[in-house]
C-alpha atoms as a PDB file:
ATOM      1  CA  UNK A   1    -187.877-117.081-118.845  1.00  0.00           C
ATOM      2  CA  UNK A   2    -190.421-114.627-120.273  1.00  0.00           C
ATOM      3  CA  UNK A   3    -192.686-112.568-118.066  1.00  0.00           C
ATOM      4  CA  UNK A   4    -196.217-113.786-117.428  1.00  0.00           C
ATOM      5  CA  UNK A   5    -199.214-111.492-117.787  1.00  0.00           C
ATOM      6  CA  UNK A   6    -202.564-111.561-116.073  1.00  0.00           C
ATOM      7  CA  UNK A   7    -205.412-109.531-117.557  1.00  0.00           C
ATOM      8  CA  UNK A   8    -208.321-108.797-115.234  1.00  0.00           C
ATOM      9  CA  UNK A   9    -211.596-107.085-116.042  1.00  0.00           C
ATOM     10  CA  UNK A  10    -212.410-104.986-112.965  1.00  0.00           C
ATOM     11  CA  UNK A  11    -215.822-103.661-114.029  1.00  0.00           C
ATOM     12  CA  UNK A  12    -218.013-102.937-117.033  1.00  0.00           C
ATOM     13  CA  UNK A  13    -220.393 -99.991-116.599  1.00  0.00           C
ATOM     14  CA  UNK A  14    -223.449-100.382-118.832  1.00  0.00           C
ATOM     15  CA  UNK A  15    -226.428 -98.339-119.968  1.00  0.00           C
ATOM     16  CA  UNK A  16    -229.714 -99.933-118.847  1.00  0.00           C
ATOM     17  CA  UNK A  17    -231.126 -99.269-122.359  1.00  0.00           C
ATOM     18  CA  UNK A  18    -229.326 -98.189-125.545  1.00  0.00           C
ATOM     19  CA  UNK A  19    -229.874 -98.674-129.253  1.00  0.00           C
ATOM     20  CA  UNK A  20    -232.785-101.046-128.610  1.00  0.00           C
ATOM     21  CA  UNK A  21    -230.746-103.338-126.321  1.00  0.00           C
ATOM     22  CA  UNK A  22    -230.501-103.713-122.543  1.00  0.00           C
ATOM     23  CA  UNK A  23    -227.397-103.546-120.329  1.00  0.00           C
ATOM     24  CA  UNK A  24    -225.152-102.139-123.065  1.00  0.00           C
ATOM     25  CA  UNK A  25    -221.517-101.909-121.929  1.00  0.00           C
ATOM     26  CA  UNK A  26    -219.945 -98.520-122.654  1.00  0.00           C
ATOM     27  CA  UNK A  27    -216.697 -98.841-120.696  1.00  0.00           C
ATOM     28  CA  UNK A  28    -214.336-101.595-119.601  1.00  0.00           C
ATOM     29  CA  UNK A  29    -212.053-101.046-116.598  1.00  0.00           C
ATOM     30  CA  UNK A  30    -209.106-103.419-116.685  1.00  0.00           C
ATOM     31  CA  UNK A  31    -205.794-104.269-115.026  1.00  0.00           C
ATOM     32  CA  UNK A  32    -202.802-106.025-116.530  1.00  0.00           C
ATOM     33  CA  UNK A  33    -200.151-107.418-114.189  1.00  0.00           C
ATOM     34  CA  UNK A  34    -196.760-108.720-115.289  1.00  0.00           C
ATOM     35  CA  UNK A  35    -194.643-111.064-113.176  1.00  0.00           C
ATOM     36  CA  UNK A  36    -191.020-111.916-113.911  1.00  0.00           C
ATOM     37  CA  UNK A  37    -189.212-115.154-113.063  1.00  0.00           C
ATOM     38  CA  UNK A  38    -188.030-113.669-109.740  1.00  0.00           C
ATOM     39  CA  UNK A  39    -191.558-112.851-108.595  1.00  0.00           C
ATOM     40  CA  UNK A  40    -191.332-109.093-109.187  1.00  0.00           C
ATOM     41  CA  UNK A  41    -194.560-107.540-110.426  1.00  0.00           C
ATOM     42  CA  UNK A  42    -195.682-104.449-112.299  1.00  0.00           C
ATOM     43  CA  UNK A  43    -199.253-103.465-112.978  1.00  0.00           C
ATOM     44  CA  UNK A  44    -201.106-101.105-115.258  1.00  0.00           C
ATOM     45  CA  UNK A  45    -204.791-100.221-114.901  1.00  0.00           C
ATOM     46  CA  UNK A  46    -206.756 -98.805-117.781  1.00  0.00           C
ATOM     47  CA  UNK A  47    -210.128 -97.908-119.181  1.00  0.00           C
ATOM     48  CA  UNK A  48    -211.417 -98.712-122.646  1.00  0.00           C
ATOM     49  CA  UNK A  49    -214.446 -96.912-124.019  1.00  0.00           C
ATOM     50  CA  UNK A  50    -216.638 -99.124-126.181  1.00  0.00           C
ATOM     51  CA  UNK A  51    -219.715 -98.350-128.233  1.00  0.00           C
ATOM     52  CA  UNK A  52    -222.527-100.450-129.591  1.00  0.00           C
ATOM     53  CA  UNK A  53    -224.084 -99.452-132.896  1.00  0.00           C
ATOM     54  CA  UNK A  54    -227.634-100.555-133.634  1.00  0.00           C
ATOM     55  CA  UNK A  55    -227.717-103.359-136.160  1.00  0.00           C
ATOM     56  CA  UNK A  56    -224.321-104.793-135.242  1.00  0.00           C
ATOM     57  CA  UNK A  57    -224.169-108.221-133.600  1.00  0.00           C
ATOM     58  CA  UNK A  58    -225.052-107.906-129.907  1.00  0.00           C
ATOM     59  CA  UNK A  59    -224.158-110.251-127.072  1.00  0.00           C
ATOM     60  CA  UNK A  60    -226.396-109.959-123.996  1.00  0.00           C
ATOM     61  CA  UNK A  61    -224.494-108.827-120.911  1.00  0.00           C
ATOM     62  CA  UNK A  62    -224.966-112.171-119.145  1.00  0.00           C
ATOM     63  CA  UNK A  63    -223.440-114.000-122.129  1.00  0.00           C
ATOM     64  CA  UNK A  64    -220.276-111.888-122.483  1.00  0.00           C
ATOM     65  CA  UNK A  65    -217.019-113.786-122.056  1.00  0.00           C
ATOM     66  CA  UNK A  66    -213.723-112.504-120.739  1.00  0.00           C
ATOM     67  CA  UNK A  67    -212.138-113.288-124.120  1.00  0.00           C
ATOM     68  CA  UNK A  68    -214.731-111.181-125.952  1.00  0.00           C
ATOM     69  CA  UNK A  69    -214.337-108.228-123.586  1.00  0.00           C
ATOM     70  CA  UNK A  70    -210.529-108.431-123.742  1.00  0.00           C
ATOM     71  CA  UNK A  71    -210.882-108.244-127.525  1.00  0.00           C
ATOM     72  CA  UNK A  72    -212.651-104.903-127.051  1.00  0.00           C
ATOM     73  CA  UNK A  73    -209.880-103.720-124.718  1.00  0.00           C
ATOM     74  CA  UNK A  74    -207.096-104.800-127.082  1.00  0.00           C
ATOM     75  CA  UNK A  75    -208.788-103.032-129.995  1.00  0.00           C
ATOM     76  CA  UNK A  76    -208.315 -99.770-128.063  1.00  0.00           C
ATOM     77  CA  UNK A  77    -205.113-100.572-126.154  1.00  0.00           C
ATOM     78  CA  UNK A  78    -203.064-103.213-127.976  1.00  0.00           C
ATOM     79  CA  UNK A  79    -202.085-106.160-125.811  1.00  0.00           C
ATOM     80  CA  UNK A  80    -198.458-106.143-127.022  1.00  0.00           C
ATOM     81  CA  UNK A  81    -198.035-102.424-126.247  1.00  0.00           C
ATOM     82  CA  UNK A  82    -199.298-102.868-122.686  1.00  0.00           C
ATOM     83  CA  UNK A  83    -197.096-105.885-122.089  1.00  0.00           C
ATOM     84  CA  UNK A  84    -194.025-104.089-123.505  1.00  0.00           C
ATOM     85  CA  UNK A  85    -194.732-101.171-121.151  1.00  0.00           C
ATOM     86  CA  UNK A  86    -194.872-103.563-118.186  1.00  0.00           C
ATOM     87  CA  UNK A  87    -191.674-105.299-119.324  1.00  0.00           C
ATOM     88  CA  UNK A  88    -189.952-101.910-119.236  1.00  0.00           C
ATOM     89  CA  UNK A  89    -191.300-101.264-115.750  1.00  0.00           C
ATOM     90  CA  UNK A  90    -189.909-104.587-114.523  1.00  0.00           C
ATOM     91  CA  UNK A  91    -186.512-103.787-116.041  1.00  0.00           C
ATOM     92  CA  UNK A  92    -186.358-100.248-114.645  1.00  0.00           C
ATOM     93  CA  UNK A  93    -184.189 -99.272-111.709  1.00  0.00           C
ATOM     94  CA  UNK A  94    -185.486 -97.412-108.703  1.00  0.00           C
ATOM     95  CA  UNK A  95    -182.833 -94.882-107.801  1.00  0.00           C
ATOM     96  CA  UNK A  96    -182.647 -93.036-104.514  1.00  0.00           C
ATOM     97  CA  UNK A  97    -183.884 -89.461-104.587  1.00  0.00           C
ATOM     98  CA  UNK A  98    -180.912 -87.167-105.254  1.00  0.00           C
ATOM     99  CA  UNK A  99    -181.673 -84.955-102.273  1.00  0.00           C
ATOM    100  CA  UNK A 100    -181.878 -87.840 -99.810  1.00  0.00           C
ATOM    101  CA  UNK A 101    -178.235 -88.909-100.178  1.00  0.00           C
END
């Protein structure tokens, strides 16, 4: 059974005013958690810097959707790369420290 992934947006700092718009997001703080079929989990937090350019389509802060914001995150940190990293973490072994044996 493949691993399942949960993407969470933790916060989105925004400039009160920028490029003629209000509440312009400049950073997205996120967390991706992978869970395998045995209930083991691995997580990776990250930050994606985003920029709004005047004249481009703008979505007011209150109208942003999780899907839209995840699109910004995945443009900076590809979804597949993050999930592959977490897959490797779930498959890794935790060995005892060599000096504690």
